[in-house]
Amino acid sequence: MIALHDHEEAGSRSASGAQSRLLLGVLERLVTSYGESSGQAAARAFARSLLVSCDMAHAIHPNYADKHDQQHTVKLGQGPVIKFHANQAYATDGPAAAVFDETCREAGGAAQRFVSRSDLPCGSTIGPVSAARTSIRTVDVGSPMLSMHSCRETVGTADIDRMIRALTGLLSHERLPAPSS
């Protein structure tokens, strides 16, 4: 399933935003439409699922290199990015990150890593909201971008194709992490 939410930049607080019951309700109805009506059917289906929160990712900006973790320098033209944050501003967990990284390698290159510095403020995505509502293993990913939220956002054209190949690979193969206990 692919879910495209409204109002992410306004905080996802709407009847169709990520903080609504929409995603959870649709997923529960899908489970029951396949004849699973026991009280644990949705929980079992969610345990076998993978949630990919896909947005953009901060590439290292040459004018602000000191704002980035020097061990994780995301660059334009180097492919998809898996995003991590110690305080869960991104919802990436280990098994989901491994699945996405393997898919990227099979699509022609390893994923980059963005790790937000814990001493600087950080934005977030709808990944933590959706992961908390569903308890589905989650990976927060994005294509690298310079100057996010400015009037001069810049991306590498090669990164678009690499992200498309990675997401297509995820959708066309059964790549699910082991169910969580």
N, C-alpha and C. Protein backbone atom coordinates (compact mmCIF):
# COMPACT_ATOMS: atom_id res chain seq x y z
N MET A 1 0.84 -1.17 0.00
CA MET A 1 0.00 0.00 0.00
C MET A 1 0.89 1.23 0.00
N ILE A 2 0.48 2.25 -0.67
CA ILE A 2 1.17 3.54 -0.64
C ILE A 2 0.20 4.56 -0.07
N ALA A 3 0.63 5.29 0.95
CA ALA A 3 -0.19 6.33 1.58
C ALA A 3 0.48 7.67 1.36
N LEU A 4 -0.25 8.61 0.82
CA LEU A 4 0.24 9.96 0.60
C LEU A 4 -0.60 10.89 1.45
N HIS A 5 0.00 11.42 2.52
CA HIS A 5 -0.74 12.23 3.48
C HIS A 5 -0.72 13.72 3.13
N ASP A 6 -1.80 14.40 3.48
CA ASP A 6 -1.87 15.87 3.39
C ASP A 6 -1.32 16.48 4.67
N HIS A 7 -0.96 17.72 4.59
CA HIS A 7 -0.70 18.59 5.73
C HIS A 7 0.55 18.26 6.53
N GLU A 8 1.53 17.59 5.94
CA GLU A 8 2.74 17.23 6.67
C GLU A 8 3.48 18.47 7.15
N GLU A 9 3.59 19.47 6.32
CA GLU A 9 4.32 20.68 6.71
C GLU A 9 3.58 21.48 7.77
N ALA A 10 2.30 21.26 7.92
CA ALA A 10 1.52 21.96 8.94
C ALA A 10 1.37 21.14 10.22
N GLY A 11 2.05 20.04 10.30
CA GLY A 11 2.03 19.23 11.52
C GLY A 11 1.20 17.97 11.44
N SER A 12 0.64 17.65 10.30
CA SER A 12 -0.09 16.41 10.09
C SER A 12 -1.36 16.27 10.92
N ARG A 13 -1.83 17.36 11.49
CA ARG A 13 -3.04 17.31 12.33
C ARG A 13 -4.26 17.70 11.51
N SER A 14 -4.83 16.72 10.85
CA SER A 14 -6.06 16.91 10.08
C SER A 14 -6.74 15.56 9.94
N ALA A 15 -7.91 15.55 9.38
CA ALA A 15 -8.65 14.30 9.22
C ALA A 15 -7.95 13.33 8.27
N SER A 16 -7.07 13.85 7.39
CA SER A 16 -6.36 12.97 6.46
C SER A 16 -4.85 13.01 6.68
N GLY A 17 -4.39 13.71 7.68
CA GLY A 17 -2.95 13.81 7.97
C GLY A 17 -2.43 12.58 8.68
N ALA A 18 -1.12 12.54 8.87
CA ALA A 18 -0.47 11.37 9.47
C ALA A 18 -0.90 11.14 10.92
N GLN A 19 -1.31 12.18 11.62
CA GLN A 19 -1.74 11.99 13.01
C GLN A 19 -3.20 11.54 13.11
N SER A 20 -3.89 11.46 11.98
CA SER A 20 -5.28 11.01 12.00
C SER A 20 -5.33 9.49 12.14
N ARG A 21 -6.52 8.98 12.21
CA ARG A 21 -6.73 7.53 12.28
C ARG A 21 -6.83 6.91 10.89
N LEU A 22 -6.70 7.71 9.84
CA LEU A 22 -6.91 7.24 8.47
C LEU A 22 -6.04 6.04 8.10
N LEU A 23 -4.72 6.14 8.25
CA LEU A 23 -3.84 5.04 7.87
C LEU A 23 -4.15 3.77 8.64
N LEU A 24 -4.25 3.88 9.94
CA LEU A 24 -4.54 2.71 10.77
C LEU A 24 -5.88 2.09 10.39
N GLY A 25 -6.89 2.91 10.17
CA GLY A 25 -8.21 2.40 9.79
C GLY A 25 -8.19 1.67 8.46
N VAL A 26 -7.52 2.25 7.46
CA VAL A 26 -7.44 1.61 6.14
C VAL A 26 -6.69 0.27 6.25
N LEU A 27 -5.59 0.25 6.97
CA LEU A 27 -4.83 -0.99 7.12
C LEU A 27 -5.66 -2.07 7.83
N GLU A 28 -6.37 -1.70 8.87
CA GLU A 28 -7.22 -2.68 9.57
C GLU A 28 -8.31 -3.21 8.66
N ARG A 29 -8.92 -2.34 7.84
CA ARG A 29 -9.96 -2.79 6.91
C ARG A 29 -9.39 -3.70 5.83
N LEU A 30 -8.16 -3.42 5.38
CA LEU A 30 -7.52 -4.30 4.40
C LEU A 30 -7.31 -5.70 4.97
N VAL A 31 -6.86 -5.77 6.21
CA VAL A 31 -6.64 -7.07 6.85
C VAL A 31 -7.96 -7.84 6.92
N THR A 32 -9.01 -7.21 7.37
CA THR A 32 -10.29 -7.92 7.50
C THR A 32 -10.90 -8.24 6.13
N SER A 33 -10.57 -7.49 5.09
CA SER A 33 -11.11 -7.78 3.75
C SER A 33 -10.55 -9.09 3.20
N TYR A 34 -9.43 -9.56 3.74
CA TYR A 34 -8.86 -10.83 3.32
C TYR A 34 -9.34 -11.98 4.20
N GLY A 35 -10.41 -11.75 4.96
CA GLY A 35 -11.02 -12.80 5.75
C GLY A 35 -10.45 -12.97 7.14
N GLU A 36 -9.48 -12.16 7.51
CA GLU A 36 -8.89 -12.23 8.84
C GLU A 36 -9.72 -11.36 9.78
N SER A 37 -10.46 -11.97 10.66
CA SER A 37 -11.32 -11.17 11.54
C SER A 37 -11.00 -11.34 13.02
N SER A 38 -9.97 -12.14 13.34
CA SER A 38 -9.64 -12.30 14.75
C SER A 38 -9.05 -11.00 15.30
N GLY A 39 -9.09 -10.85 16.59
CA GLY A 39 -8.62 -9.63 17.23
C GLY A 39 -7.14 -9.36 17.01
N GLN A 40 -6.37 -10.38 16.70
CA GLN A 40 -4.93 -10.22 16.51
C GLN A 40 -4.50 -10.19 15.04
N ALA A 41 -5.45 -10.25 14.12
CA ALA A 41 -5.10 -10.31 12.69
C ALA A 41 -4.30 -9.09 12.24
N ALA A 42 -4.72 -7.91 12.63
CA ALA A 42 -3.99 -6.70 12.23
C ALA A 42 -2.60 -6.68 12.84
N ALA A 43 -2.49 -7.04 14.10
CA ALA A 43 -1.17 -7.06 14.76
C ALA A 43 -0.23 -8.03 14.05
N ARG A 44 -0.74 -9.20 13.65
CA ARG A 44 0.10 -10.17 12.93
C ARG A 44 0.51 -9.62 11.57
N ALA A 45 -0.42 -9.00 10.87
CA ALA A 45 -0.10 -8.42 9.56
C ALA A 45 0.93 -7.30 9.70
N PHE A 46 0.77 -6.46 10.70
CA PHE A 46 1.71 -5.35 10.90
C PHE A 46 3.09 -5.88 11.24
N ALA A 47 3.17 -6.97 11.99
CA ALA A 47 4.47 -7.55 12.37
C ALA A 47 5.21 -8.10 11.16
N ARG A 48 4.49 -8.41 10.08
CA ARG A 48 5.10 -8.91 8.85
C ARG A 48 5.28 -7.81 7.81
N SER A 49 5.09 -6.56 8.21
CA SER A 49 5.10 -5.44 7.26
C SER A 49 6.33 -4.57 7.43
N LEU A 50 6.53 -3.70 6.46
CA LEU A 50 7.61 -2.72 6.46
C LEU A 50 7.03 -1.38 6.06
N LEU A 51 7.27 -0.37 6.88
CA LEU A 51 6.79 0.98 6.59
C LEU A 51 8.00 1.81 6.12
N VAL A 52 7.89 2.42 4.97
CA VAL A 52 8.94 3.28 4.43
C VAL A 52 8.40 4.70 4.44
N SER A 53 8.98 5.54 5.28
CA SER A 53 8.63 6.96 5.31
C SER A 53 9.60 7.66 4.38
N CYS A 54 9.11 8.14 3.24
CA CYS A 54 9.98 8.67 2.19
C CYS A 54 9.74 10.17 2.04
N ASP A 55 10.80 10.93 2.21
CA ASP A 55 10.76 12.39 2.12
C ASP A 55 12.05 12.83 1.43
N MET A 56 12.69 13.82 1.92
CA MET A 56 13.99 14.26 1.43
C MET A 56 14.99 14.14 2.58
N ALA A 57 16.28 14.30 2.29
CA ALA A 57 17.32 14.19 3.31
C ALA A 57 18.33 15.33 3.12
N HIS A 58 18.89 15.78 4.22
CA HIS A 58 19.87 16.87 4.17
C HIS A 58 21.21 16.37 3.65
N ALA A 59 21.65 16.91 2.52
CA ALA A 59 23.02 16.66 2.05
C ALA A 59 23.94 17.65 2.74
N ILE A 60 25.22 17.31 2.80
CA ILE A 60 26.17 18.21 3.44
C ILE A 60 26.34 19.45 2.55
N HIS A 61 26.05 20.59 3.14
CA HIS A 61 26.13 21.85 2.40
C HIS A 61 27.53 22.40 2.56
N PRO A 62 28.21 22.74 1.47
CA PRO A 62 29.59 23.22 1.59
C PRO A 62 29.74 24.48 2.45
N ASN A 63 28.70 25.30 2.52
CA ASN A 63 28.78 26.51 3.33
C ASN A 63 28.49 26.24 4.81
N TYR A 64 27.94 25.06 5.13
CA TYR A 64 27.56 24.75 6.52
C TYR A 64 28.02 23.35 6.92
N ALA A 65 29.19 22.95 6.47
CA ALA A 65 29.69 21.60 6.75
C ALA A 65 29.81 21.34 8.25
N ASP A 66 30.03 22.41 9.03
CA ASP A 66 30.17 22.24 10.49
C ASP A 66 28.85 21.86 11.16
N LYS A 67 27.74 21.95 10.46
CA LYS A 67 26.43 21.58 11.02
C LYS A 67 26.12 20.09 10.84
N HIS A 68 26.99 19.36 10.19
CA HIS A 68 26.77 17.95 9.89
C HIS A 68 27.69 17.07 10.71
N ASP A 69 27.25 15.85 10.96
CA ASP A 69 28.10 14.84 11.58
C ASP A 69 29.14 14.43 10.55
N GLN A 70 30.41 14.64 10.85
CA GLN A 70 31.48 14.39 9.89
C GLN A 70 31.65 12.91 9.54
N GLN A 71 31.08 12.01 10.34
CA GLN A 71 31.15 10.57 10.05
C GLN A 71 30.07 10.14 9.06
N HIS A 72 29.12 11.02 8.79
CA HIS A 72 27.99 10.68 7.91
C HIS A 72 27.75 11.86 6.97
N THR A 73 28.57 11.97 5.96
CA THR A 73 28.47 13.10 5.04
C THR A 73 27.66 12.69 3.81
N VAL A 74 26.43 13.09 3.77
CA VAL A 74 25.53 12.79 2.67
C VAL A 74 25.84 13.72 1.51
N LYS A 75 25.96 13.14 0.32
CA LYS A 75 26.34 13.92 -0.86
C LYS A 75 25.32 13.77 -1.98
N LEU A 76 25.14 14.85 -2.74
CA LEU A 76 24.29 14.79 -3.93
C LEU A 76 24.89 13.81 -4.92
N GLY A 77 24.03 13.10 -5.64
CA GLY A 77 24.48 12.18 -6.68
C GLY A 77 24.96 10.83 -6.18
N GLN A 78 24.86 10.58 -4.87
CA GLN A 78 25.35 9.33 -4.30
C GLN A 78 24.22 8.40 -3.87
N GLY A 79 22.98 8.72 -4.21
CA GLY A 79 21.88 7.81 -3.98
C GLY A 79 21.08 8.05 -2.72
N PRO A 80 20.10 7.17 -2.48
CA PRO A 80 19.16 7.31 -1.36
C PRO A 80 19.86 7.37 0.00
N VAL A 81 19.16 7.98 0.95
CA VAL A 81 19.69 8.20 2.28
C VAL A 81 18.77 7.56 3.31
N ILE A 82 19.36 6.83 4.26
CA ILE A 82 18.61 6.34 5.42
C ILE A 82 18.88 7.32 6.55
N LYS A 83 17.81 7.78 7.19
CA LYS A 83 17.93 8.84 8.21
C LYS A 83 17.76 8.26 9.62
N PHE A 84 18.67 8.69 10.51
CA PHE A 84 18.68 8.23 11.89
C PHE A 84 18.68 9.44 12.83
N HIS A 85 18.03 9.29 13.97
CA HIS A 85 18.05 10.32 15.01
C HIS A 85 17.89 9.63 16.36
N ALA A 86 18.77 9.95 17.28
CA ALA A 86 18.78 9.27 18.59
C ALA A 86 17.47 9.47 19.35
N ASN A 87 16.80 10.60 19.17
CA ASN A 87 15.56 10.87 19.89
C ASN A 87 14.31 10.57 19.06
N GLN A 88 14.47 9.75 18.02
CA GLN A 88 13.37 9.28 17.19
C GLN A 88 12.65 10.36 16.39
N ALA A 89 13.35 11.44 16.02
CA ALA A 89 12.77 12.39 15.07
C ALA A 89 12.62 11.69 13.71
N TYR A 90 13.43 10.66 13.50
CA TYR A 90 13.27 9.73 12.38
C TYR A 90 13.02 8.37 13.00
N ALA A 91 12.17 7.57 12.37
CA ALA A 91 11.71 6.33 12.98
C ALA A 91 12.50 5.10 12.57
N THR A 92 13.62 5.27 11.92
CA THR A 92 14.39 4.14 11.41
C THR A 92 14.76 3.16 12.52
N ASP A 93 14.48 1.87 12.27
CA ASP A 93 14.96 0.82 13.17
C ASP A 93 15.93 -0.06 12.39
N GLY A 94 16.72 -0.84 13.10
CA GLY A 94 17.78 -1.64 12.49
C GLY A 94 17.32 -2.60 11.40
N PRO A 95 16.34 -3.47 11.67
CA PRO A 95 15.92 -4.42 10.64
C PRO A 95 15.37 -3.75 9.37
N ALA A 96 14.62 -2.67 9.54
CA ALA A 96 14.07 -1.98 8.37
C ALA A 96 15.19 -1.30 7.58
N ALA A 97 16.17 -0.72 8.29
CA ALA A 97 17.31 -0.09 7.61
C ALA A 97 18.08 -1.14 6.80
N ALA A 98 18.25 -2.34 7.36
CA ALA A 98 18.98 -3.40 6.67
C ALA A 98 18.25 -3.81 5.39
N VAL A 99 16.94 -3.90 5.45
CA VAL A 99 16.16 -4.27 4.27
C VAL A 99 16.32 -3.20 3.19
N PHE A 100 16.21 -1.93 3.57
CA PHE A 100 16.34 -0.85 2.58
C PHE A 100 17.75 -0.81 2.01
N ASP A 101 18.76 -0.96 2.85
CA ASP A 101 20.14 -0.94 2.38
C ASP A 101 20.40 -2.07 1.39
N GLU A 102 19.90 -3.27 1.70
CA GLU A 102 20.08 -4.41 0.79
C GLU A 102 19.39 -4.14 -0.55
N THR A 103 18.20 -3.56 -0.50
CA THR A 103 17.48 -3.24 -1.73
C THR A 103 18.25 -2.22 -2.55
N CYS A 104 18.84 -1.21 -1.90
CA CYS A 104 19.64 -0.21 -2.62
C CYS A 104 20.85 -0.86 -3.29
N ARG A 105 21.52 -1.77 -2.58
CA ARG A 105 22.68 -2.45 -3.17
C ARG A 105 22.26 -3.25 -4.40
N GLU A 106 21.14 -3.94 -4.31
CA GLU A 106 20.67 -4.72 -5.45
C GLU A 106 20.24 -3.82 -6.61
N ALA A 107 19.87 -2.57 -6.29
CA ALA A 107 19.46 -1.63 -7.33
C ALA A 107 20.65 -0.85 -7.90
N GLY A 108 21.87 -1.13 -7.40
CA GLY A 108 23.04 -0.50 -8.00
C GLY A 108 23.90 0.35 -7.10
N GLY A 109 23.68 0.39 -5.81
CA GLY A 109 24.54 1.16 -4.92
C GLY A 109 24.04 1.15 -3.50
N ALA A 110 24.95 1.30 -2.56
CA ALA A 110 24.56 1.31 -1.14
C ALA A 110 23.88 2.62 -0.78
N ALA A 111 23.04 2.55 0.23
CA ALA A 111 22.38 3.76 0.73
C ALA A 111 23.37 4.58 1.56
N GLN A 112 23.19 5.89 1.54
CA GLN A 112 23.96 6.77 2.41
C GLN A 112 23.27 6.83 3.76
N ARG A 113 23.96 7.37 4.75
CA ARG A 113 23.41 7.50 6.11
C ARG A 113 23.43 8.96 6.54
N PHE A 114 22.29 9.45 7.02
CA PHE A 114 22.24 10.77 7.66
C PHE A 114 21.95 10.52 9.13
N VAL A 115 22.85 10.99 9.98
CA VAL A 115 22.66 10.90 11.42
C VAL A 115 22.63 12.32 11.94
N SER A 116 21.50 12.72 12.47
CA SER A 116 21.36 14.08 12.97
C SER A 116 22.22 14.28 14.21
N ARG A 117 22.92 15.38 14.26
CA ARG A 117 23.73 15.69 15.45
C ARG A 117 22.80 15.93 16.63
N SER A 118 23.11 15.32 17.74
CA SER A 118 22.24 15.42 18.92
C SER A 118 22.35 16.77 19.62
N ASP A 119 23.36 17.57 19.28
CA ASP A 119 23.51 18.88 19.91
C ASP A 119 22.86 20.00 19.11
N LEU A 120 22.18 19.65 18.01
CA LEU A 120 21.50 20.65 17.18
C LEU A 120 20.03 20.28 17.01
N PRO A 121 19.17 21.29 16.88
CA PRO A 121 17.75 20.97 16.65
C PRO A 121 17.58 20.25 15.31
N CYS A 122 16.52 19.47 15.23
CA CYS A 122 16.28 18.65 14.04
C CYS A 122 14.79 18.64 13.74
N GLY A 123 14.47 18.66 12.46
CA GLY A 123 13.09 18.49 12.06
C GLY A 123 12.71 17.02 12.18
N SER A 124 11.57 16.67 11.64
CA SER A 124 11.11 15.30 11.70
C SER A 124 10.35 14.97 10.44
N THR A 125 9.81 13.78 10.39
CA THR A 125 9.00 13.33 9.27
C THR A 125 7.72 12.72 9.84
N ILE A 126 6.88 12.18 8.98
CA ILE A 126 5.69 11.49 9.47
C ILE A 126 6.02 10.05 9.88
N GLY A 127 7.26 9.62 9.65
CA GLY A 127 7.67 8.27 10.02
C GLY A 127 7.41 7.94 11.48
N PRO A 128 7.86 8.77 12.44
CA PRO A 128 7.61 8.45 13.84
C PRO A 128 6.13 8.42 14.20
N VAL A 129 5.33 9.28 13.57
CA VAL A 129 3.89 9.30 13.83
C VAL A 129 3.27 7.99 13.35
N SER A 130 3.58 7.59 12.12
CA SER A 130 3.00 6.37 11.56
C SER A 130 3.51 5.13 12.28
N ALA A 131 4.80 5.11 12.61
CA ALA A 131 5.36 3.96 13.33
C ALA A 131 4.72 3.80 14.70
N ALA A 132 4.52 4.91 15.40
CA ALA A 132 3.91 4.84 16.74
C ALA A 132 2.46 4.38 16.66
N ARG A 133 1.73 4.79 15.64
CA ARG A 133 0.32 4.42 15.52
C ARG A 133 0.15 2.96 15.10
N THR A 134 1.12 2.41 14.35
CA THR A 134 0.94 1.06 13.79
C THR A 134 1.88 0.01 14.39
N SER A 135 2.98 0.42 14.97
CA SER A 135 4.04 -0.48 15.46
C SER A 135 4.65 -1.31 14.34
N ILE A 136 4.65 -0.77 13.14
CA ILE A 136 5.27 -1.45 11.99
C ILE A 136 6.75 -1.04 11.94
N ARG A 137 7.63 -2.02 11.67
CA ARG A 137 9.05 -1.71 11.49
C ARG A 137 9.15 -0.63 10.42
N THR A 138 10.01 0.37 10.67
CA THR A 138 10.02 1.56 9.83
C THR A 138 11.42 1.99 9.47
N VAL A 139 11.57 2.48 8.24
CA VAL A 139 12.79 3.13 7.81
C VAL A 139 12.42 4.50 7.23
N ASP A 140 13.08 5.54 7.72
CA ASP A 140 12.92 6.90 7.20
C ASP A 140 14.00 7.11 6.14
N VAL A 141 13.60 7.41 4.92
CA VAL A 141 14.55 7.58 3.82
C VAL A 141 14.26 8.87 3.06
N GLY A 142 15.21 9.26 2.24
CA GLY A 142 15.01 10.42 1.38
C GLY A 142 16.11 10.52 0.35
N SER A 143 15.86 11.35 -0.64
CA SER A 143 16.91 11.69 -1.60
C SER A 143 17.65 12.89 -1.05
N PRO A 144 18.98 12.96 -1.27
CA PRO A 144 19.74 14.07 -0.73
C PRO A 144 19.37 15.40 -1.38
N MET A 145 19.40 16.45 -0.56
CA MET A 145 19.01 17.77 -1.02
C MET A 145 19.85 18.83 -0.29
N LEU A 146 20.20 19.86 -1.01
CA LEU A 146 20.82 21.03 -0.40
C LEU A 146 19.75 22.09 -0.18
N SER A 147 19.88 22.84 0.88
CA SER A 147 19.03 24.00 1.16
C SER A 147 17.56 23.65 1.29
N MET A 148 17.27 22.60 2.05
CA MET A 148 15.88 22.18 2.25
C MET A 148 15.05 23.32 2.84
N HIS A 149 13.86 23.48 2.34
CA HIS A 149 12.90 24.49 2.75
C HIS A 149 13.30 25.91 2.35
N SER A 150 14.27 26.05 1.49
CA SER A 150 14.61 27.38 0.98
C SER A 150 14.02 27.53 -0.42
N CYS A 151 14.14 28.71 -0.97
CA CYS A 151 13.65 28.91 -2.34
C CYS A 151 14.62 28.36 -3.37
N ARG A 152 15.77 27.85 -2.92
CA ARG A 152 16.78 27.31 -3.82
C ARG A 152 17.14 25.86 -3.50
N GLU A 153 16.15 25.06 -3.22
CA GLU A 153 16.41 23.64 -2.97
C GLU A 153 17.09 23.03 -4.19
N THR A 154 18.08 22.19 -3.94
CA THR A 154 18.88 21.62 -5.03
C THR A 154 19.02 20.12 -4.82
N VAL A 155 18.73 19.35 -5.87
CA VAL A 155 18.90 17.89 -5.82
C VAL A 155 19.73 17.45 -7.02
N GLY A 156 20.27 16.26 -6.93
CA GLY A 156 20.99 15.67 -8.05
C GLY A 156 20.04 14.81 -8.87
N THR A 157 20.03 14.98 -10.17
CA THR A 157 19.08 14.23 -11.01
C THR A 157 19.32 12.73 -10.93
N ALA A 158 20.56 12.30 -10.74
CA ALA A 158 20.85 10.86 -10.64
C ALA A 158 20.19 10.26 -9.41
N ASP A 159 20.00 11.06 -8.37
CA ASP A 159 19.41 10.53 -7.14
C ASP A 159 17.93 10.17 -7.32
N ILE A 160 17.26 10.84 -8.23
CA ILE A 160 15.84 10.54 -8.47
C ILE A 160 15.71 9.12 -9.01
N ASP A 161 16.50 8.78 -10.02
CA ASP A 161 16.44 7.44 -10.59
C ASP A 161 16.84 6.38 -9.57
N ARG A 162 17.85 6.65 -8.76
CA ARG A 162 18.29 5.67 -7.76
C ARG A 162 17.21 5.43 -6.71
N MET A 163 16.50 6.48 -6.30
CA MET A 163 15.42 6.30 -5.33
C MET A 163 14.27 5.53 -5.96
N ILE A 164 13.94 5.83 -7.20
CA ILE A 164 12.87 5.09 -7.89
C ILE A 164 13.22 3.61 -7.96
N ARG A 165 14.47 3.29 -8.30
CA ARG A 165 14.89 1.88 -8.37
C ARG A 165 14.83 1.20 -7.01
N ALA A 166 15.22 1.91 -5.96
CA ALA A 166 15.18 1.32 -4.61
C ALA A 166 13.74 1.07 -4.18
N LEU A 167 12.86 2.05 -4.37
CA LEU A 167 11.46 1.87 -3.96
C LEU A 167 10.76 0.82 -4.81
N THR A 168 11.06 0.78 -6.10
CA THR A 168 10.49 -0.25 -6.96
C THR A 168 10.95 -1.63 -6.51
N GLY A 169 12.22 -1.75 -6.13
CA GLY A 169 12.74 -3.01 -5.62
C GLY A 169 12.03 -3.46 -4.36
N LEU A 170 11.74 -2.51 -3.48
CA LEU A 170 10.99 -2.86 -2.27
C LEU A 170 9.60 -3.35 -2.58
N LEU A 171 8.94 -2.71 -3.52
CA LEU A 171 7.56 -3.07 -3.84
C LEU A 171 7.45 -4.34 -4.67
N SER A 172 8.52 -4.70 -5.39
CA SER A 172 8.41 -5.85 -6.29
C SER A 172 8.95 -7.15 -5.71
N HIS A 173 9.49 -7.11 -4.50
CA HIS A 173 10.02 -8.31 -3.86
C HIS A 173 9.47 -8.41 -2.45
N GLU A 174 9.42 -9.61 -1.96
CA GLU A 174 9.01 -9.79 -0.57
C GLU A 174 10.24 -9.60 0.30
N ARG A 175 10.38 -8.43 0.88
CA ARG A 175 11.54 -8.07 1.69
C ARG A 175 11.06 -7.61 3.06
N LEU A 176 10.67 -8.52 3.85
CA LEU A 176 10.13 -8.13 5.14
C LEU A 176 11.07 -8.51 6.26
N PRO A 177 11.24 -7.61 7.23
CA PRO A 177 12.06 -7.98 8.38
C PRO A 177 11.34 -9.05 9.19
N ALA A 178 12.09 -9.79 9.97
CA ALA A 178 11.48 -10.79 10.85
C ALA A 178 10.50 -10.11 11.79
N PRO A 179 9.35 -10.76 12.06
CA PRO A 179 8.38 -10.15 12.97
C PRO A 179 9.00 -9.80 14.30
N SER A 180 8.61 -8.65 14.83
CA SER A 180 9.09 -8.27 16.16
C SER A 180 8.32 -9.06 17.21
N SER A 181 8.96 -9.30 18.33
CA SER A 181 8.30 -10.13 19.35
C SER A 181 7.46 -9.31 20.29
